[in-house]
Amino acid sequence: MIKAVILDVGNVVLELDWIRSVSLLQEKIGRNSQYIATLLEFLSESTELKRFEIGELSAEDFRSSVKSRLNIDIADSEFDDIWNACLPRKIPGINAAALELSRKFRLIGLSNTNEIHYEYFMSKFSDTFSHFESVYCSHVLGKAKPNQDIYKETLSRIGLDAQEVVFFDDRAENIEMATNLGFHAYKCFRSAEFILSKVNLLKD
């Protein structure tokens, strides 16, 4: 019996578009395309970001490290505005979907995220996240998907078995791990309709 639905945040609840952040930074500091390519590589591979997402770096230390590494001089508030620009809007229909799910199941969030993004999206999109019982995040739990420990920790906190949970995420490796642990797991990219359809099939 399905008792809970767990949703990733980026590209499941909110659009995630790093190009927006990169473009804003380019406008701000006027660097060339090669610099922007370096920045994109940094965003995807940097040790700083990985440590920030599991809570090993504070927001202050992360900002300082990135600004130093990329040789940029901007205020912390400007940094945060640029950093948060990658989360521009909700997935169409997700508000109604979250409301519907919350009336039938325990609705939980599970995200690889960081202190700056978390504070931003929980405030800016509070109308959506008000439907969630809890939003568990990598920077608080000290682990990130697809590490199996973050799934197990989440199950422990909500007091359910994996077989009682439907999990949606936009990354294949996260779905693979969830499936291996016994979740009903589905890869989902920006589709509230897909979430509802899969949950309704399992419910029936």
N, C-alpha and C. Protein backbone atom coordinates (compact mmCIF):
# COMPACT_ATOMS: atom_id res chain seq x y z
N MET A 1 0.83 -1.19 0.00
CA MET A 1 0.00 0.00 0.00
C MET A 1 0.88 1.25 0.00
N ILE A 2 0.61 2.17 -0.92
CA ILE A 2 1.39 3.40 -1.02
C ILE A 2 0.93 4.39 0.05
N LYS A 3 1.89 4.84 0.85
CA LYS A 3 1.58 5.77 1.93
C LYS A 3 2.23 7.14 1.74
N ALA A 4 3.27 7.22 0.90
CA ALA A 4 3.96 8.50 0.73
C ALA A 4 4.46 8.66 -0.69
N VAL A 5 4.54 9.90 -1.11
CA VAL A 5 5.13 10.27 -2.39
C VAL A 5 6.31 11.19 -2.09
N ILE A 6 7.47 10.83 -2.62
CA ILE A 6 8.68 11.64 -2.43
C ILE A 6 9.07 12.26 -3.76
N LEU A 7 9.22 13.57 -3.78
CA LEU A 7 9.60 14.30 -4.99
C LEU A 7 10.96 14.96 -4.82
N ASP A 8 11.80 14.80 -5.83
CA ASP A 8 12.98 15.64 -5.96
C ASP A 8 12.49 17.07 -6.18
N VAL A 9 13.36 18.06 -6.01
CA VAL A 9 12.96 19.46 -6.22
C VAL A 9 13.33 19.93 -7.62
N GLY A 10 14.62 19.91 -7.98
CA GLY A 10 15.05 20.42 -9.28
C GLY A 10 14.52 19.60 -10.43
N ASN A 11 13.79 20.24 -11.33
CA ASN A 11 13.19 19.66 -12.53
C ASN A 11 12.07 18.66 -12.25
N VAL A 12 11.64 18.58 -11.00
CA VAL A 12 10.46 17.80 -10.66
C VAL A 12 9.39 18.73 -10.07
N VAL A 13 9.80 19.58 -9.12
CA VAL A 13 8.90 20.60 -8.56
C VAL A 13 9.20 21.97 -9.17
N LEU A 14 10.47 22.29 -9.28
CA LEU A 14 10.90 23.58 -9.83
C LEU A 14 11.79 23.36 -11.04
N GLU A 15 11.71 24.25 -12.00
CA GLU A 15 12.65 24.21 -13.12
C GLU A 15 14.06 24.51 -12.60
N LEU A 16 15.03 23.75 -13.10
CA LEU A 16 16.43 23.97 -12.77
C LEU A 16 17.19 24.26 -14.05
N ASP A 17 17.75 25.45 -14.14
CA ASP A 17 18.40 25.89 -15.38
C ASP A 17 19.66 26.68 -15.04
N TRP A 18 20.79 25.98 -14.99
CA TRP A 18 22.05 26.63 -14.62
C TRP A 18 22.48 27.70 -15.63
N ILE A 19 22.03 27.57 -16.87
CA ILE A 19 22.41 28.56 -17.88
C ILE A 19 21.95 29.95 -17.48
N ARG A 20 20.82 30.04 -16.80
CA ARG A 20 20.33 31.35 -16.34
C ARG A 20 21.33 32.00 -15.38
N SER A 21 21.85 31.24 -14.46
CA SER A 21 22.83 31.78 -13.52
C SER A 21 24.11 32.18 -14.24
N VAL A 22 24.54 31.33 -15.15
CA VAL A 22 25.76 31.61 -15.90
C VAL A 22 25.60 32.88 -16.75
N SER A 23 24.46 33.01 -17.40
CA SER A 23 24.22 34.18 -18.25
C SER A 23 24.18 35.47 -17.44
N LEU A 24 23.56 35.41 -16.27
CA LEU A 24 23.52 36.59 -15.41
C LEU A 24 24.91 37.00 -14.95
N LEU A 25 25.72 36.00 -14.64
CA LEU A 25 27.08 36.29 -14.21
C LEU A 25 27.88 36.89 -15.36
N GLN A 26 27.68 36.37 -16.57
CA GLN A 26 28.37 36.91 -17.74
C GLN A 26 27.99 38.36 -17.96
N GLU A 27 26.71 38.68 -17.82
CA GLU A 27 26.26 40.07 -17.97
C GLU A 27 26.89 40.96 -16.89
N LYS A 28 27.00 40.43 -15.69
CA LYS A 28 27.50 41.21 -14.57
C LYS A 28 28.98 41.54 -14.70
N ILE A 29 29.76 40.55 -15.13
CA ILE A 29 31.21 40.75 -15.12
C ILE A 29 31.82 40.85 -16.51
N GLY A 30 31.02 40.61 -17.56
CA GLY A 30 31.49 40.82 -18.92
C GLY A 30 32.60 39.91 -19.38
N ARG A 31 32.58 38.65 -18.95
CA ARG A 31 33.62 37.72 -19.37
C ARG A 31 33.25 37.06 -20.70
N ASN A 32 34.25 36.44 -21.35
CA ASN A 32 34.02 35.84 -22.66
C ASN A 32 33.47 34.41 -22.56
N SER A 33 33.21 33.81 -23.71
CA SER A 33 32.57 32.50 -23.74
C SER A 33 33.46 31.41 -23.15
N GLN A 34 34.77 31.54 -23.30
CA GLN A 34 35.67 30.54 -22.74
C GLN A 34 35.58 30.54 -21.22
N TYR A 35 35.45 31.72 -20.65
CA TYR A 35 35.30 31.83 -19.20
C TYR A 35 34.00 31.17 -18.76
N ILE A 36 32.95 31.38 -19.53
CA ILE A 36 31.66 30.80 -19.19
C ILE A 36 31.72 29.27 -19.29
N ALA A 37 32.45 28.75 -20.28
CA ALA A 37 32.62 27.30 -20.38
C ALA A 37 33.33 26.76 -19.14
N THR A 38 34.32 27.51 -18.67
CA THR A 38 35.03 27.13 -17.45
C THR A 38 34.10 27.13 -16.25
N LEU A 39 33.22 28.12 -16.21
CA LEU A 39 32.26 28.22 -15.12
C LEU A 39 31.28 27.05 -15.13
N LEU A 40 30.81 26.68 -16.31
CA LEU A 40 29.89 25.54 -16.41
C LEU A 40 30.57 24.25 -15.94
N GLU A 41 31.83 24.09 -16.33
CA GLU A 41 32.57 22.92 -15.88
C GLU A 41 32.71 22.93 -14.36
N PHE A 42 32.97 24.12 -13.81
CA PHE A 42 33.08 24.26 -12.37
C PHE A 42 31.79 23.85 -11.67
N LEU A 43 30.67 24.31 -12.21
CA LEU A 43 29.38 24.01 -11.60
C LEU A 43 29.10 22.51 -11.57
N SER A 44 29.53 21.81 -12.59
CA SER A 44 29.23 20.38 -12.68
C SER A 44 30.23 19.49 -11.96
N GLU A 45 31.46 19.97 -11.79
CA GLU A 45 32.51 19.09 -11.28
C GLU A 45 33.20 19.57 -10.00
N SER A 46 32.89 20.75 -9.53
CA SER A 46 33.71 21.33 -8.46
C SER A 46 33.57 20.60 -7.13
N THR A 47 34.68 20.47 -6.45
CA THR A 47 34.69 19.91 -5.10
C THR A 47 33.92 20.82 -4.16
N GLU A 48 34.04 22.14 -4.38
CA GLU A 48 33.35 23.09 -3.51
C GLU A 48 31.84 22.86 -3.52
N LEU A 49 31.27 22.67 -4.72
CA LEU A 49 29.83 22.48 -4.82
C LEU A 49 29.41 21.17 -4.15
N LYS A 50 30.17 20.11 -4.38
CA LYS A 50 29.84 18.83 -3.76
C LYS A 50 29.88 18.93 -2.24
N ARG A 51 30.88 19.62 -1.71
CA ARG A 51 30.99 19.79 -0.25
C ARG A 51 29.88 20.69 0.27
N PHE A 52 29.51 21.70 -0.50
CA PHE A 52 28.43 22.60 -0.10
C PHE A 52 27.11 21.84 -0.03
N GLU A 53 26.90 20.93 -0.96
CA GLU A 53 25.64 20.19 -1.02
C GLU A 53 25.50 19.14 0.08
N ILE A 54 26.60 18.78 0.73
CA ILE A 54 26.47 17.85 1.86
C ILE A 54 26.80 18.55 3.18
N GLY A 55 26.79 19.87 3.17
CA GLY A 55 26.92 20.63 4.40
C GLY A 55 28.31 20.74 4.96
N GLU A 56 29.32 20.41 4.17
CA GLU A 56 30.70 20.51 4.66
C GLU A 56 31.26 21.92 4.50
N LEU A 57 30.60 22.76 3.70
CA LEU A 57 30.97 24.17 3.56
C LEU A 57 29.77 25.02 3.93
N SER A 58 30.00 26.09 4.69
CA SER A 58 28.94 27.04 4.98
C SER A 58 28.69 27.90 3.75
N ALA A 59 27.58 28.60 3.73
CA ALA A 59 27.29 29.51 2.62
C ALA A 59 28.39 30.56 2.50
N GLU A 60 28.85 31.07 3.63
CA GLU A 60 29.90 32.09 3.62
C GLU A 60 31.19 31.55 2.99
N ASP A 61 31.57 30.35 3.40
CA ASP A 61 32.80 29.76 2.87
C ASP A 61 32.65 29.40 1.38
N PHE A 62 31.47 28.94 0.99
CA PHE A 62 31.24 28.60 -0.41
C PHE A 62 31.33 29.84 -1.30
N ARG A 63 30.65 30.92 -0.89
CA ARG A 63 30.72 32.17 -1.67
C ARG A 63 32.17 32.63 -1.82
N SER A 64 32.88 32.63 -0.71
CA SER A 64 34.27 33.09 -0.73
C SER A 64 35.13 32.23 -1.64
N SER A 65 34.94 30.93 -1.58
CA SER A 65 35.73 30.01 -2.39
C SER A 65 35.45 30.20 -3.88
N VAL A 66 34.17 30.31 -4.23
CA VAL A 66 33.81 30.46 -5.64
C VAL A 66 34.30 31.80 -6.18
N LYS A 67 34.10 32.85 -5.42
CA LYS A 67 34.53 34.18 -5.89
C LYS A 67 36.05 34.23 -6.07
N SER A 68 36.76 33.57 -5.18
CA SER A 68 38.22 33.54 -5.29
C SER A 68 38.66 32.70 -6.48
N ARG A 69 38.06 31.54 -6.63
CA ARG A 69 38.46 30.62 -7.70
C ARG A 69 38.17 31.19 -9.08
N LEU A 70 37.04 31.90 -9.21
CA LEU A 70 36.65 32.48 -10.50
C LEU A 70 37.10 33.92 -10.67
N ASN A 71 37.77 34.44 -9.65
CA ASN A 71 38.30 35.80 -9.69
C ASN A 71 37.20 36.83 -10.00
N ILE A 72 36.14 36.79 -9.20
CA ILE A 72 35.05 37.74 -9.34
C ILE A 72 34.87 38.50 -8.03
N ASP A 73 34.48 39.74 -8.13
CA ASP A 73 34.32 40.59 -6.96
C ASP A 73 32.91 41.17 -6.95
N ILE A 74 31.99 40.46 -6.29
CA ILE A 74 30.62 40.92 -6.19
C ILE A 74 30.15 40.74 -4.75
N ALA A 75 29.15 41.50 -4.38
CA ALA A 75 28.60 41.41 -3.02
C ALA A 75 27.92 40.06 -2.82
N ASP A 76 27.83 39.63 -1.56
CA ASP A 76 27.18 38.35 -1.26
C ASP A 76 25.74 38.33 -1.74
N SER A 77 25.04 39.45 -1.60
CA SER A 77 23.64 39.50 -2.04
C SER A 77 23.52 39.33 -3.55
N GLU A 78 24.47 39.90 -4.29
CA GLU A 78 24.48 39.72 -5.75
C GLU A 78 24.81 38.28 -6.10
N PHE A 79 25.75 37.70 -5.39
CA PHE A 79 26.11 36.30 -5.61
C PHE A 79 24.88 35.42 -5.43
N ASP A 80 24.14 35.65 -4.35
CA ASP A 80 22.96 34.82 -4.07
C ASP A 80 21.89 34.99 -5.13
N ASP A 81 21.70 36.23 -5.60
CA ASP A 81 20.70 36.47 -6.66
C ASP A 81 21.06 35.69 -7.93
N ILE A 82 22.34 35.71 -8.28
CA ILE A 82 22.80 34.99 -9.46
C ILE A 82 22.69 33.48 -9.24
N TRP A 83 23.10 33.03 -8.08
CA TRP A 83 23.07 31.60 -7.73
C TRP A 83 21.65 31.06 -7.76
N ASN A 84 20.70 31.86 -7.28
CA ASN A 84 19.31 31.41 -7.20
C ASN A 84 18.55 31.55 -8.52
N ALA A 85 19.13 32.25 -9.47
CA ALA A 85 18.44 32.47 -10.75
C ALA A 85 18.21 31.17 -11.51
N CYS A 86 18.92 30.12 -11.16
CA CYS A 86 18.76 28.83 -11.84
C CYS A 86 17.45 28.13 -11.46
N LEU A 87 16.74 28.69 -10.50
CA LEU A 87 15.45 28.14 -10.08
C LEU A 87 14.36 29.19 -10.36
N PRO A 88 14.01 29.39 -11.62
CA PRO A 88 13.18 30.54 -11.98
C PRO A 88 11.69 30.40 -11.70
N ARG A 89 11.17 29.16 -11.77
CA ARG A 89 9.71 29.02 -11.67
C ARG A 89 9.33 27.58 -11.35
N LYS A 90 8.05 27.43 -10.98
CA LYS A 90 7.52 26.10 -10.70
C LYS A 90 7.22 25.36 -12.00
N ILE A 91 7.23 24.04 -11.93
CA ILE A 91 6.77 23.22 -13.05
C ILE A 91 5.27 23.48 -13.24
N PRO A 92 4.80 23.70 -14.46
CA PRO A 92 3.36 23.93 -14.67
C PRO A 92 2.51 22.82 -14.06
N GLY A 93 1.50 23.23 -13.31
CA GLY A 93 0.58 22.28 -12.72
C GLY A 93 1.02 21.66 -11.42
N ILE A 94 2.24 21.98 -10.94
CA ILE A 94 2.76 21.29 -9.76
C ILE A 94 2.02 21.70 -8.49
N ASN A 95 1.52 22.94 -8.43
CA ASN A 95 0.77 23.36 -7.23
C ASN A 95 -0.47 22.49 -7.03
N ALA A 96 -1.25 22.36 -8.10
CA ALA A 96 -2.47 21.56 -8.02
C ALA A 96 -2.12 20.10 -7.74
N ALA A 97 -1.05 19.60 -8.36
CA ALA A 97 -0.64 18.21 -8.15
C ALA A 97 -0.21 17.98 -6.70
N ALA A 98 0.55 18.93 -6.15
CA ALA A 98 1.00 18.80 -4.77
C ALA A 98 -0.18 18.81 -3.81
N LEU A 99 -1.14 19.68 -4.07
CA LEU A 99 -2.33 19.73 -3.23
C LEU A 99 -3.08 18.40 -3.29
N GLU A 100 -3.27 17.87 -4.49
CA GLU A 100 -3.98 16.60 -4.65
C GLU A 100 -3.24 15.47 -3.95
N LEU A 101 -1.94 15.41 -4.14
CA LEU A 101 -1.15 14.34 -3.52
C LEU A 101 -1.19 14.44 -2.00
N SER A 102 -1.11 15.66 -1.48
CA SER A 102 -1.07 15.85 -0.03
C SER A 102 -2.36 15.44 0.65
N ARG A 103 -3.45 15.43 -0.11
CA ARG A 103 -4.74 15.03 0.45
C ARG A 103 -4.90 13.51 0.52
N LYS A 104 -4.07 12.80 -0.23
CA LYS A 104 -4.19 11.34 -0.30
C LYS A 104 -3.00 10.61 0.31
N PHE A 105 -1.84 11.26 0.33
CA PHE A 105 -0.60 10.62 0.77
C PHE A 105 0.21 11.60 1.61
N ARG A 106 1.24 11.09 2.24
CA ARG A 106 2.24 11.97 2.85
C ARG A 106 3.15 12.45 1.71
N LEU A 107 3.27 13.75 1.56
CA LEU A 107 4.06 14.32 0.47
C LEU A 107 5.38 14.84 1.05
N ILE A 108 6.47 14.30 0.52
CA ILE A 108 7.81 14.57 1.05
C ILE A 108 8.71 15.07 -0.07
N GLY A 109 9.64 15.97 0.25
CA GLY A 109 10.67 16.37 -0.69
C GLY A 109 12.00 15.75 -0.32
N LEU A 110 12.81 15.42 -1.32
CA LEU A 110 14.16 14.91 -1.08
C LEU A 110 15.07 15.47 -2.17
N SER A 111 15.96 16.36 -1.77
CA SER A 111 16.73 17.11 -2.77
C SER A 111 18.22 17.17 -2.45
N ASN A 112 19.03 17.01 -3.50
CA ASN A 112 20.43 17.41 -3.41
C ASN A 112 20.46 18.92 -3.61
N THR A 113 20.68 19.64 -2.54
CA THR A 113 20.63 21.10 -2.64
C THR A 113 21.64 21.70 -1.67
N ASN A 114 21.50 22.96 -1.37
CA ASN A 114 22.46 23.65 -0.53
C ASN A 114 21.74 24.74 0.26
N GLU A 115 22.45 25.30 1.20
CA GLU A 115 21.86 26.27 2.13
C GLU A 115 21.24 27.47 1.42
N ILE A 116 21.92 28.01 0.43
CA ILE A 116 21.42 29.20 -0.26
C ILE A 116 20.17 28.89 -1.05
N HIS A 117 20.21 27.83 -1.85
CA HIS A 117 19.04 27.45 -2.63
C HIS A 117 17.86 27.08 -1.74
N TYR A 118 18.11 26.33 -0.69
CA TYR A 118 17.02 25.88 0.18
C TYR A 118 16.26 27.07 0.77
N GLU A 119 16.98 28.02 1.33
CA GLU A 119 16.33 29.18 1.93
C GLU A 119 15.55 29.96 0.89
N TYR A 120 16.08 30.03 -0.31
CA TYR A 120 15.42 30.77 -1.39
C TYR A 120 14.14 30.07 -1.83
N PHE A 121 14.22 28.78 -2.18
CA PHE A 121 13.02 28.16 -2.76
C PHE A 121 11.93 27.89 -1.73
N MET A 122 12.31 27.66 -0.48
CA MET A 122 11.28 27.45 0.53
C MET A 122 10.50 28.73 0.81
N SER A 123 11.15 29.86 0.61
CA SER A 123 10.48 31.15 0.80
C SER A 123 9.72 31.59 -0.44
N LYS A 124 10.40 31.58 -1.59
CA LYS A 124 9.79 32.09 -2.82
C LYS A 124 8.62 31.22 -3.28
N PHE A 125 8.73 29.93 -3.10
CA PHE A 125 7.69 29.01 -3.57
C PHE A 125 6.96 28.36 -2.39
N SER A 126 6.74 29.14 -1.34
CA SER A 126 6.12 28.61 -0.13
C SER A 126 4.71 28.10 -0.37
N ASP A 127 4.02 28.66 -1.37
CA ASP A 127 2.66 28.19 -1.65
C ASP A 127 2.65 26.74 -2.11
N THR A 128 3.72 26.33 -2.79
CA THR A 128 3.85 24.93 -3.21
C THR A 128 4.34 24.05 -2.06
N PHE A 129 5.40 24.48 -1.39
CA PHE A 129 6.01 23.64 -0.37
C PHE A 129 5.17 23.57 0.92
N SER A 130 4.17 24.41 1.02
CA SER A 130 3.25 24.32 2.17
C SER A 130 2.45 23.01 2.13
N HIS A 131 2.37 22.39 0.96
CA HIS A 131 1.66 21.11 0.83
C HIS A 131 2.53 19.93 1.24
N PHE A 132 3.83 20.16 1.46
CA PHE A 132 4.76 19.09 1.81
C PHE A 132 4.83 18.92 3.33
N GLU A 133 4.82 17.68 3.76
CA GLU A 133 5.02 17.39 5.19
C GLU A 133 6.43 17.80 5.62
N SER A 134 7.41 17.44 4.80
CA SER A 134 8.82 17.76 5.08
C SER A 134 9.58 17.82 3.76
N VAL A 135 10.67 18.57 3.76
CA VAL A 135 11.60 18.57 2.63
C VAL A 135 12.98 18.24 3.18
N TYR A 136 13.47 17.03 2.87
CA TYR A 136 14.77 16.59 3.36
C TYR A 136 15.84 16.95 2.33
N CYS A 137 16.94 17.49 2.82
CA CYS A 137 17.97 18.04 1.92
C CYS A 137 19.35 17.49 2.23
N SER A 138 20.13 17.35 1.19
CA SER A 138 21.47 16.78 1.31
C SER A 138 22.36 17.59 2.25
N HIS A 139 22.24 18.92 2.22
CA HIS A 139 23.14 19.74 3.04
C HIS A 139 22.83 19.62 4.53
N VAL A 140 21.64 19.15 4.87
CA VAL A 140 21.28 18.92 6.27
C VAL A 140 21.58 17.48 6.67
N LEU A 141 21.28 16.54 5.80
CA LEU A 141 21.49 15.13 6.10
C LEU A 141 22.95 14.70 5.98
N GLY A 142 23.76 15.50 5.29
CA GLY A 142 25.18 15.18 5.15
C GLY A 142 25.47 14.09 4.14
N LYS A 143 24.49 13.82 3.27
CA LYS A 143 24.63 12.80 2.23
C LYS A 143 23.88 13.29 1.01
N ALA A 144 24.27 12.80 -0.16
CA ALA A 144 23.61 13.21 -1.39
C ALA A 144 23.24 11.99 -2.22
N LYS A 145 22.12 12.10 -2.92
CA LYS A 145 21.74 11.06 -3.89
C LYS A 145 22.84 10.96 -4.95
N PRO A 146 23.20 9.77 -5.42
CA PRO A 146 22.53 8.48 -5.20
C PRO A 146 23.09 7.65 -4.05
N ASN A 147 23.80 8.26 -3.11
CA ASN A 147 24.26 7.50 -1.94
C ASN A 147 23.06 6.85 -1.25
N GLN A 148 23.10 5.55 -1.08
CA GLN A 148 21.95 4.84 -0.52
C GLN A 148 21.60 5.32 0.88
N ASP A 149 22.56 5.89 1.60
CA ASP A 149 22.30 6.29 2.98
C ASP A 149 21.27 7.42 3.09
N ILE A 150 21.20 8.29 2.07
CA ILE A 150 20.23 9.38 2.16
C ILE A 150 18.81 8.86 2.00
N TYR A 151 18.64 7.83 1.20
CA TYR A 151 17.32 7.20 1.05
C TYR A 151 16.93 6.50 2.36
N LYS A 152 17.87 5.77 2.92
CA LYS A 152 17.59 5.04 4.16
C LYS A 152 17.31 6.00 5.31
N GLU A 153 18.04 7.09 5.36
CA GLU A 153 17.82 8.10 6.40
C GLU A 153 16.43 8.72 6.27
N THR A 154 16.04 9.01 5.04
CA THR A 154 14.71 9.58 4.81
C THR A 154 13.62 8.61 5.23
N LEU A 155 13.77 7.34 4.86
CA LEU A 155 12.79 6.33 5.27
C LEU A 155 12.71 6.22 6.80
N SER A 156 13.86 6.28 7.45
CA SER A 156 13.88 6.21 8.91
C SER A 156 13.14 7.39 9.53
N ARG A 157 13.32 8.56 8.94
CA ARG A 157 12.69 9.77 9.49
C ARG A 157 11.18 9.78 9.29
N ILE A 158 10.72 9.19 8.20
CA ILE A 158 9.27 9.19 7.97
C ILE A 158 8.61 7.90 8.46
N GLY A 159 9.42 6.94 8.90
CA GLY A 159 8.89 5.72 9.50
C GLY A 159 8.17 4.81 8.53
N LEU A 160 8.66 4.72 7.29
CA LEU A 160 8.04 3.87 6.29
C LEU A 160 9.07 2.94 5.65
N ASP A 161 8.58 1.87 5.03
CA ASP A 161 9.42 1.00 4.22
C ASP A 161 9.45 1.52 2.78
N ALA A 162 10.49 1.17 2.05
CA ALA A 162 10.63 1.64 0.67
C ALA A 162 9.44 1.24 -0.19
N GLN A 163 8.89 0.05 0.06
CA GLN A 163 7.77 -0.44 -0.75
C GLN A 163 6.49 0.39 -0.57
N GLU A 164 6.47 1.23 0.45
CA GLU A 164 5.30 2.06 0.73
C GLU A 164 5.44 3.46 0.13
N VAL A 165 6.50 3.66 -0.65
CA VAL A 165 6.82 5.00 -1.14
C VAL A 165 6.98 5.02 -2.66
N VAL A 166 6.44 6.07 -3.29
CA VAL A 166 6.69 6.34 -4.70
C VAL A 166 7.68 7.51 -4.77
N PHE A 167 8.72 7.34 -5.57
CA PHE A 167 9.80 8.33 -5.63
C PHE A 167 9.97 8.81 -7.07
N PHE A 168 10.08 10.15 -7.23
CA PHE A 168 10.29 10.76 -8.55
C PHE A 168 11.54 11.63 -8.52
N ASP A 169 12.38 11.48 -9.55
CA ASP A 169 13.62 12.23 -9.65
C ASP A 169 13.95 12.39 -11.13
N ASP A 170 14.71 13.41 -11.47
CA ASP A 170 15.03 13.64 -12.88
C ASP A 170 16.33 12.98 -13.31
N ARG A 171 17.04 12.34 -12.39
CA ARG A 171 18.33 11.75 -12.74
C ARG A 171 18.26 10.22 -12.66
N ALA A 172 18.75 9.59 -13.73
CA ALA A 172 18.65 8.13 -13.85
C ALA A 172 19.37 7.40 -12.72
N GLU A 173 20.53 7.90 -12.30
CA GLU A 173 21.29 7.20 -11.27
C GLU A 173 20.57 7.24 -9.92
N ASN A 174 19.80 8.30 -9.69
CA ASN A 174 19.04 8.38 -8.44
C ASN A 174 17.85 7.43 -8.45
N ILE A 175 17.24 7.29 -9.62
CA ILE A 175 16.14 6.34 -9.78
C ILE A 175 16.64 4.91 -9.65
N GLU A 176 17.78 4.63 -10.23
CA GLU A 176 18.34 3.27 -10.15
C GLU A 176 18.59 2.86 -8.71
N MET A 177 19.17 3.76 -7.93
CA MET A 177 19.43 3.42 -6.53
C MET A 177 18.13 3.22 -5.76
N ALA A 178 17.17 4.11 -5.99
CA ALA A 178 15.88 3.98 -5.30
C ALA A 178 15.20 2.66 -5.64
N THR A 179 15.25 2.28 -6.90
CA THR A 179 14.66 1.01 -7.34
C THR A 179 15.35 -0.17 -6.67
N ASN A 180 16.67 -0.11 -6.60
CA ASN A 180 17.43 -1.19 -5.96
C ASN A 180 17.08 -1.33 -4.48
N LEU A 181 16.67 -0.22 -3.86
CA LEU A 181 16.33 -0.24 -2.45
C LEU A 181 14.87 -0.63 -2.21
N GLY A 182 14.10 -0.79 -3.29
CA GLY A 182 12.74 -1.25 -3.16
C GLY A 182 11.66 -0.20 -3.32
N PHE A 183 12.03 1.04 -3.63
CA PHE A 183 11.03 2.08 -3.89
C PHE A 183 10.32 1.81 -5.22
N HIS A 184 9.11 2.30 -5.36
CA HIS A 184 8.49 2.48 -6.66
C HIS A 184 9.09 3.79 -7.19
N ALA A 185 9.95 3.71 -8.18
CA ALA A 185 10.71 4.90 -8.58
C ALA A 185 10.57 5.18 -10.07
N TYR A 186 10.42 6.46 -10.40
CA TYR A 186 10.20 6.88 -11.79
C TYR A 186 11.03 8.11 -12.12
N LYS A 187 11.65 8.06 -13.27
CA LYS A 187 12.37 9.23 -13.78
C LYS A 187 11.35 10.22 -14.34
N CYS A 188 11.44 11.45 -13.89
CA CYS A 188 10.45 12.46 -14.24
C CYS A 188 11.15 13.77 -14.56
N PHE A 189 10.75 14.41 -15.65
CA PHE A 189 11.34 15.69 -16.02
C PHE A 189 10.22 16.70 -16.31
N ARG A 190 9.99 17.58 -15.37
CA ARG A 190 9.08 18.72 -15.55
C ARG A 190 7.67 18.32 -15.99
N SER A 191 7.08 17.34 -15.32
CA SER A 191 5.74 16.93 -15.71
C SER A 191 4.91 16.55 -14.48
N ALA A 192 4.06 17.47 -14.06
CA ALA A 192 3.14 17.17 -12.95
C ALA A 192 2.15 16.09 -13.36
N GLU A 193 1.76 16.10 -14.62
CA GLU A 193 0.80 15.10 -15.12
C GLU A 193 1.37 13.69 -15.01
N PHE A 194 2.66 13.54 -15.32
CA PHE A 194 3.32 12.24 -15.23
C PHE A 194 3.29 11.72 -13.79
N ILE A 195 3.58 12.60 -12.85
CA ILE A 195 3.58 12.22 -11.43
C ILE A 195 2.22 11.69 -11.03
N LEU A 196 1.18 12.46 -11.34
CA LEU A 196 -0.17 12.04 -10.96
C LEU A 196 -0.58 10.74 -11.62
N SER A 197 -0.23 10.57 -12.89
CA SER A 197 -0.63 9.36 -13.61
C SER A 197 0.02 8.12 -12.99
N LYS A 198 1.30 8.21 -12.67
CA LYS A 198 2.00 7.05 -12.09
C LYS A 198 1.47 6.73 -10.69
N VAL A 199 1.25 7.76 -9.89
CA VAL A 199 0.72 7.52 -8.54
C VAL A 199 -0.67 6.92 -8.60
N ASN A 200 -1.50 7.41 -9.50
CA ASN A 200 -2.86 6.90 -9.60
C ASN A 200 -2.89 5.45 -10.07
N LEU A 201 -1.96 5.08 -10.93
CA LEU A 201 -1.87 3.68 -11.36
C LEU A 201 -1.53 2.76 -10.20
N LEU A 202 -0.58 3.19 -9.38
CA LEU A 202 -0.17 2.38 -8.24
C LEU A 202 -1.27 2.33 -7.18
N LYS A 203 -1.95 3.45 -7.01
CA LYS A 203 -3.02 3.52 -6.02
C LYS A 203 -4.14 2.52 -6.34
N ASP A 204 -4.42 2.42 -7.65
CA ASP A 204 -5.48 1.51 -8.08
C ASP A 204 -5.02 0.06 -8.04
